[in-house]
C-alpha atoms as a PDB file:
ATOM      1  CA  MET A   1      17.937  42.909  -4.282  1.00  0.00           C
ATOM      2  CA  ASP A   2      18.035  42.944  -0.734  1.00  0.00           C
ATOM      3  CA  ARG A   3      20.562  40.086   0.594  1.00  0.00           C
ATOM      4  CA  GLU A   4      18.786  38.759   3.308  1.00  0.00           C
ATOM      5  CA  LEU A   5      15.494  38.452   1.448  1.00  0.00           C
ATOM      6  CA  LEU A   6      17.318  36.379  -1.039  1.00  0.00           C
ATOM      7  CA  GLU A   7      18.755  34.394   1.784  1.00  0.00           C
ATOM      8  CA  ARG A   8      15.276  33.701   2.974  1.00  0.00           C
ATOM      9  CA  ILE A   9      13.926  32.814  -0.598  1.00  0.00           C
ATOM     10  CA  THR A  10      16.748  30.454  -1.079  1.00  0.00           C
ATOM     11  CA  ALA A  11      16.357  28.518   2.554  1.00  0.00           C
ATOM     12  CA  ARG A  12      12.425  28.614   1.683  1.00  0.00           C
ATOM     13  CA  ARG A  13      13.478  26.728  -1.985  1.00  0.00           C
ATOM     14  CA  ALA A  14      15.508  24.273   0.099  1.00  0.00           C
ATOM     15  CA  GLU A  15      12.836  23.532   2.655  1.00  0.00           C
ATOM     16  CA  LEU A  16      10.239  23.185  -0.397  1.00  0.00           C
ATOM     17  CA  ASP A  17      12.741  20.856  -2.370  1.00  0.00           C
ATOM     18  CA  GLU A  18      13.180  18.937   0.740  1.00  0.00           C
ATOM     19  CA  LEU A  19       9.186  18.617   0.935  1.00  0.00           C
ATOM     20  CA  GLU A  20       8.735  17.726  -2.468  1.00  0.00           C
ATOM     21  CA  LYS A  21      11.300  14.967  -1.989  1.00  0.00           C
ATOM     22  CA  GLN A  22       9.143  13.566   1.144  1.00  0.00           C
ATOM     23  CA  LEU A  23       5.760  14.016  -1.084  1.00  0.00           C
ATOM     24  CA  ALA A  24       7.337  11.880  -3.765  1.00  0.00           C
ATOM     25  CA  GLU A  25       8.276   9.088  -1.360  1.00  0.00           C
ATOM     26  CA  VAL A  26       5.012   9.178   0.506  1.00  0.00           C
ATOM     27  CA  ARG A  27       3.182   8.922  -3.016  1.00  0.00           C
ATOM     28  CA  ALA A  28       5.416   5.707  -3.685  1.00  0.00           C
ATOM     29  CA  GLU A  29       4.473   4.220  -0.650  1.00  0.00           C
ATOM     30  CA  LEU A  30       0.780   4.606  -1.227  1.00  0.00           C
ATOM     31  CA  ASP A  31       1.419   3.181  -4.650  1.00  0.00           C
ATOM     32  CA  GLU A  32       2.838   0.342  -3.196  1.00  0.00           C
ATOM     33  CA  LEU A  33       0.107   0.076  -0.419  1.00  0.00           C
ATOM     34  CA  ALA A  34      -2.558   0.105  -2.901  1.00  0.00           C
ATOM     35  CA  VAL A  35      -0.771  -2.612  -4.867  1.00  0.00           C
ATOM     36  CA  ALA A  36      -0.301  -4.832  -1.588  1.00  0.00           C
ATOM     37  CA  GLU A  37      -3.919  -4.303  -0.953  1.00  0.00           C
ATOM     38  CA  LYS A  38      -5.159  -5.809  -4.228  1.00  0.00           C
ATOM     39  CA  VAL A  39      -3.011  -8.773  -4.117  1.00  0.00           C
ATOM     40  CA  LEU A  40      -4.218  -9.267  -0.335  1.00  0.00           C
ATOM     41  CA  GLU A  41      -7.822  -8.827  -1.615  1.00  0.00           C
ATOM     42  CA  ARG A  42      -7.346 -11.344  -4.734  1.00  0.00           C
ATOM     43  CA  MET A  43      -5.377 -14.016  -2.232  1.00  0.00           C
ATOM     44  CA  SER A  44      -8.296 -13.719   0.221  1.00  0.00           C
ATOM     45  CA  ARG A  45     -10.816 -14.371  -2.568  1.00  0.00           C
ATOM     46  CA  GLN A  46      -9.060 -17.220  -3.943  1.00  0.00           C
ATOM     47  CA  LEU A  47      -8.495 -18.860  -0.615  1.00  0.00           C
ATOM     48  CA  ALA A  48     -12.022 -18.639   0.288  1.00  0.00           C
ATOM     49  CA  GLU A  49     -12.919 -20.077  -3.030  1.00  0.00           C
ATOM     50  CA  GLU A  50     -10.558 -22.986  -2.463  1.00  0.00           C
ATOM     51  CA  ARG A  51     -11.901 -23.561   0.973  1.00  0.00           C
ATOM     52  CA  ALA A  52     -15.525 -23.536  -0.255  1.00  0.00           C
ATOM     53  CA  THR A  53     -14.516 -26.096  -3.290  1.00  0.00           C
ATOM     54  CA  PHE A  54     -12.582 -28.419  -0.832  1.00  0.00           C
ATOM     55  CA  ALA A  55     -14.711 -28.139   2.440  1.00  0.00           C
ATOM     56  CA  PRO A  56     -16.198 -31.511   3.216  1.00  0.00           C
ATOM     57  CA  THR A  57     -20.044 -31.426   2.866  1.00  0.00           C
ATOM     58  CA  PRO A  58     -22.085 -32.493   5.615  1.00  0.00           C
ATOM     59  CA  GLY A  59     -22.196 -36.537   6.319  1.00  0.00           C
ATOM     60  CA  GLN A  60     -18.364 -36.542   4.406  1.00  0.00           C
ATOM     61  CA  VAL A  61     -16.325 -36.520   7.390  1.00  0.00           C
ATOM     62  CA  GLY A  62     -15.685 -39.986   8.874  1.00  0.00           C
ATOM     63  CA  ALA A  63     -18.120 -41.277   6.213  1.00  0.00           C
ATOM     64  CA  GLY A  64     -15.779 -44.433   5.897  1.00  0.00           C
ATOM     65  CA  ARG A  65     -15.888 -45.602   9.417  1.00  0.00           C
END
């Protein structure tokens, strides 16, 4: 086999191995962001529900004065 061709193949394999590693890191970060999004959505819904539950109704604010 041609030595130069073998070196080019080896170099390209090393480049692709590095890209594969970077892709795995990107996928892991995307998974983490998806989880964070779900948590944020859930917390936002819960906060909105709590605010609606504990919000004063008209006439309640300062009614004891």
